[in-house]
């Protein structure tokens, strides 16, 4: 049996493209998320935004930037990359001093060393092992620093699961879900995982690491909700 895909799975791509206009409801607790009981959620989102805003100015490539909810808080020259044109339609006006780019996260159309930093939020955790390896190779080629924002493993939550997600139009989509191990650096994480169902997650780690043969991960701040 072949390994499942995420970054290059057509059904997943279609789901996120369709979700683009309502994606920020998950962050803001609006729309279908308004009735969910999520104590401390707004404070967690604010803490994550503050952390991203506090990163030093740099040439940053935000891979799988989605709606640009976090991208807009990055200082310096910013490029938001996503495979979803609809997501980038939302993101584009949020980063007026930067650029958006429709592209494959596992085959980045950038030259070696084009950026100081690669950032990715709630994307790396979704990837199965082969896609993780491909992503890390691309990130290492693009920049010396990698910042990974994702959800931590939690007691009682399976690290891998499939969940049904419902959009505002009532359409239903089957998505992989899970979480990442914050004790390992991105290049060593072995658990295939992704975000829990919207609204069910708790904070996860933000990890910064200098890339290279001897690079190790170090915590850069507190956690974030998962998407």
Protein backbone atom coordinates (compact mmCIF):
# COMPACT_ATOMS: atom_id res chain seq x y z
CA UNK A 1 0.00 0.00 0.00
CA UNK A 2 1.37 3.40 -0.96
CA UNK A 3 1.93 6.04 1.71
CA UNK A 4 -0.89 8.60 2.03
CA UNK A 5 -0.22 12.07 0.69
CA UNK A 6 -1.23 15.47 2.02
CA UNK A 7 0.64 18.21 0.16
CA UNK A 8 -0.09 16.58 -3.20
CA UNK A 9 -3.48 15.07 -2.43
CA UNK A 10 -6.10 16.48 -4.81
CA UNK A 11 -9.05 16.06 -2.46
CA UNK A 12 -7.19 17.87 0.33
CA UNK A 13 -6.27 20.68 -2.04
CA UNK A 14 -9.89 21.04 -3.13
CA UNK A 15 -11.07 21.14 0.50
CA UNK A 16 -8.73 23.98 1.49
CA UNK A 17 -9.45 25.92 -1.69
CA UNK A 18 -13.18 25.70 -0.97
CA UNK A 19 -12.62 26.63 2.68
CA UNK A 20 -10.64 29.80 1.93
CA UNK A 21 -13.46 32.39 2.35
CA UNK A 22 -14.39 30.99 5.78
CA UNK A 23 -10.96 29.86 6.95
CA UNK A 24 -10.46 32.68 9.46
CA UNK A 25 -13.69 31.73 11.24
CA UNK A 26 -11.59 29.04 12.92
CA UNK A 27 -9.14 31.61 14.32
CA UNK A 28 -11.80 34.16 15.25
CA UNK A 29 -14.46 31.87 16.67
CA UNK A 30 -17.06 33.01 14.17
CA UNK A 31 -19.32 31.20 11.69
CA UNK A 32 -19.58 27.49 12.47
CA UNK A 33 -17.13 27.96 15.35
CA UNK A 34 -19.15 30.60 17.21
CA UNK A 35 -21.00 28.05 19.32
CA UNK A 36 -17.90 26.04 20.28
CA UNK A 37 -16.71 26.15 23.86
CA UNK A 38 -13.00 26.97 23.59
CA UNK A 39 -11.82 28.48 26.90
CA UNK A 40 -8.67 30.54 26.48
CA UNK A 41 -8.73 30.28 22.70
CA UNK A 42 -8.63 34.01 21.97
CA UNK A 43 -5.72 34.46 24.37
CA UNK A 44 -3.82 31.65 22.67
CA UNK A 45 -4.36 33.16 19.23
CA UNK A 46 -3.22 36.57 20.51
CA UNK A 47 -0.08 35.00 22.00
CA UNK A 48 0.74 33.32 18.70
CA UNK A 49 0.24 36.54 16.75
CA UNK A 50 2.52 38.38 19.20
CA UNK A 51 5.18 35.73 18.78
CA UNK A 52 5.08 35.89 14.98
CA UNK A 53 5.06 39.69 15.10
CA UNK A 54 8.14 39.59 17.34
CA UNK A 55 10.30 37.58 14.95
CA UNK A 56 13.23 39.69 13.66
CA UNK A 57 12.72 41.26 10.25
CA UNK A 58 14.00 38.97 7.53
CA UNK A 59 13.43 37.77 3.99
CA UNK A 60 10.76 35.21 4.87
CA UNK A 61 9.02 32.59 2.78
CA UNK A 62 5.78 31.48 4.46
CA UNK A 63 5.00 28.04 3.03
CA UNK A 64 1.33 27.01 3.08
CA UNK A 65 0.46 30.53 4.20
CA UNK A 66 -3.26 29.96 3.71
CA UNK A 67 -5.31 33.11 4.23
CA UNK A 68 -2.29 35.05 5.46
CA UNK A 69 -3.70 35.32 8.97
CA UNK A 70 -0.21 34.94 10.44
CA UNK A 71 1.79 36.01 7.36
CA UNK A 72 0.63 39.61 7.67
CA UNK A 73 2.42 39.95 11.02
CA UNK A 74 5.88 39.06 9.67
CA UNK A 75 8.41 41.88 9.44
CA UNK A 76 10.70 42.30 6.46
CA UNK A 77 10.36 41.11 2.88
CA UNK A 78 7.64 38.45 2.85
CA UNK A 79 6.45 35.95 0.25
CA UNK A 80 3.35 33.89 1.00
CA UNK A 81 3.23 30.58 -0.85
CA UNK A 82 0.25 28.25 -1.10
CA UNK A 83 -1.16 25.77 -3.59
CA UNK A 84 -4.64 27.31 -3.24
CA UNK A 85 -5.45 30.30 -5.48
CA UNK A 86 -8.51 31.02 -3.33
CA UNK A 87 -6.43 31.19 -0.15
CA UNK A 88 -4.01 33.59 -1.82
CA UNK A 89 -6.89 35.79 -2.97
CA UNK A 90 -7.58 36.33 0.73
CA UNK A 91 -3.90 36.64 1.66
CA UNK A 92 -2.79 39.06 -1.07
CA UNK A 93 -4.23 42.31 0.37
CA UNK A 94 -2.92 41.37 3.82
CA UNK A 95 0.71 41.56 2.72
CA UNK A 96 0.75 44.63 0.45
CA UNK A 97 4.51 45.02 0.74
CA UNK A 98 5.18 41.41 -0.20
CA UNK A 99 4.18 38.83 -2.76
CA UNK A 100 2.00 35.75 -2.99
CA UNK A 101 2.88 32.72 -5.05
CA UNK A 102 0.83 29.71 -6.13
CA UNK A 103 3.26 26.80 -5.95
CA UNK A 104 4.02 23.29 -4.74
CA UNK A 105 5.55 23.29 -1.24
CA UNK A 106 7.56 20.19 -2.14
CA UNK A 107 9.09 21.74 -5.27
CA UNK A 108 9.74 25.37 -4.40
CA UNK A 109 10.28 27.64 -7.43
CA UNK A 110 13.02 29.65 -5.68
CA UNK A 111 16.79 29.76 -5.99
CA UNK A 112 19.07 28.38 -3.30
CA UNK A 113 19.48 30.79 -0.40
CA UNK A 114 16.83 33.17 -1.70
CA UNK A 115 15.46 33.71 1.82
CA UNK A 116 16.75 34.16 5.35
CA UNK A 117 13.86 32.23 6.88
CA UNK A 118 11.24 29.68 5.94
CA UNK A 119 8.14 29.72 8.16
CA UNK A 120 5.30 27.22 8.03
CA UNK A 121 2.22 27.17 10.20
CA UNK A 122 0.06 24.08 10.73
CA UNK A 123 1.37 22.38 7.61
CA UNK A 124 4.40 20.29 8.55
CA UNK A 125 2.41 18.21 11.01
CA UNK A 126 0.04 17.08 8.27
CA UNK A 127 2.78 15.56 6.16
CA UNK A 128 3.52 11.83 6.00
CA UNK A 129 7.23 10.87 6.28
CA UNK A 130 8.16 11.08 2.60
CA UNK A 131 6.52 14.46 2.17
CA UNK A 132 8.19 15.67 5.37
CA UNK A 133 11.59 14.69 4.00
CA UNK A 134 10.86 16.45 0.71
CA UNK A 135 9.64 19.56 2.51
CA UNK A 136 12.71 19.74 4.75
CA UNK A 137 15.02 19.38 1.78
CA UNK A 138 13.25 22.25 0.02
CA UNK A 139 13.25 24.43 3.14
CA UNK A 140 16.95 23.77 3.69
CA UNK A 141 17.68 24.83 0.11
CA UNK A 142 15.64 28.02 0.39
CA UNK A 143 16.87 29.43 3.73
CA UNK A 144 19.14 28.88 6.73
CA UNK A 145 16.38 29.24 9.31
CA UNK A 146 13.18 27.22 9.62
CA UNK A 147 10.27 28.17 11.89
CA UNK A 148 7.61 25.49 12.39
CA UNK A 149 4.29 26.29 14.08
CA UNK A 150 2.17 23.26 14.84
CA UNK A 151 0.15 21.39 17.44
CA UNK A 152 1.73 19.28 20.17
CA UNK A 153 0.80 15.74 21.06
CA UNK A 154 -1.74 15.63 23.89
CA UNK A 155 -2.66 12.82 26.26
CA UNK A 156 -5.70 10.88 25.12
CA UNK A 157 -5.56 12.17 21.53
CA UNK A 158 -4.52 9.75 18.80
CA UNK A 159 -1.52 11.10 16.84
CA UNK A 160 -3.11 9.91 13.60
CA UNK A 161 -6.79 9.94 12.75
CA UNK A 162 -9.27 10.74 10.02
CA UNK A 163 -12.02 13.24 10.72
CA UNK A 164 -15.01 14.58 8.86
CA UNK A 165 -15.04 18.35 8.47
CA UNK A 166 -18.09 20.37 7.46
CA UNK A 167 -18.01 23.70 5.64
CA UNK A 168 -20.58 26.49 5.72
CA UNK A 169 -22.33 25.15 2.62
CA UNK A 170 -22.88 21.80 4.35
CA UNK A 171 -20.32 19.93 2.26
CA UNK A 172 -18.41 17.22 4.11
CA UNK A 173 -14.74 16.43 3.70
CA UNK A 174 -12.61 13.61 5.09
CA UNK A 175 -9.29 14.93 6.39
CA UNK A 176 -6.29 13.46 8.17
CA UNK A 177 -5.73 14.75 11.68
CA UNK A 178 -3.18 14.41 14.46
CA UNK A 179 -0.39 16.34 16.18
CA UNK A 180 3.38 16.80 16.32
CA UNK A 181 5.97 15.75 18.90
CA UNK A 182 7.47 18.97 20.32
CA UNK A 183 10.41 17.10 21.85
CA UNK A 184 12.02 16.42 18.50
CA UNK A 185 13.49 18.78 15.94
CA UNK A 186 11.53 18.90 12.66
CA UNK A 187 14.03 16.73 10.82
CA UNK A 188 13.72 13.97 13.44
CA UNK A 189 9.97 13.91 13.98
CA UNK A 190 8.68 10.48 12.96
CA UNK A 191 4.98 10.71 13.72
CA UNK A 192 2.68 11.20 10.75
CA UNK A 193 0.31 13.83 11.95
CA UNK A 194 -1.68 16.93 11.25
CA UNK A 195 -4.08 19.24 13.00
CA UNK A 196 -6.99 18.06 15.11
CA UNK A 197 -10.43 19.00 13.92
CA UNK A 198 -10.91 22.77 14.00
CA UNK A 199 -11.79 23.85 17.50
CA UNK A 200 -10.61 20.67 19.23
CA UNK A 201 -6.90 21.48 19.52
CA UNK A 202 -4.82 22.93 22.29
CA UNK A 203 -1.53 24.83 22.02
CA UNK A 204 1.47 23.38 20.25
CA UNK A 205 5.08 24.40 19.88
CA UNK A 206 6.72 27.03 17.75
CA UNK A 207 10.18 25.82 16.84
CA UNK A 208 13.04 27.75 15.26
CA UNK A 209 16.10 26.00 13.98
CA UNK A 210 19.15 26.91 11.99
CA UNK A 211 19.37 24.46 9.14
CA UNK A 212 22.36 22.34 8.25
CA UNK A 213 23.98 19.05 9.13
CA UNK A 214 24.53 20.02 12.79
CA UNK A 215 21.49 22.21 13.32
CA UNK A 216 19.24 21.52 16.29
CA UNK A 217 15.80 22.77 17.20
CA UNK A 218 15.15 25.30 19.95
CA UNK A 219 11.91 26.63 21.28
CA UNK A 220 11.02 30.11 20.09
CA UNK A 221 7.91 30.69 22.11
CA UNK A 222 4.64 29.33 23.34
CA UNK A 223 2.19 27.34 21.34
CA UNK A 224 -0.65 27.83 18.95
CA UNK A 225 -3.98 26.37 18.08
CA UNK A 226 -3.91 23.85 15.25
CA UNK A 227 -5.84 24.05 12.05
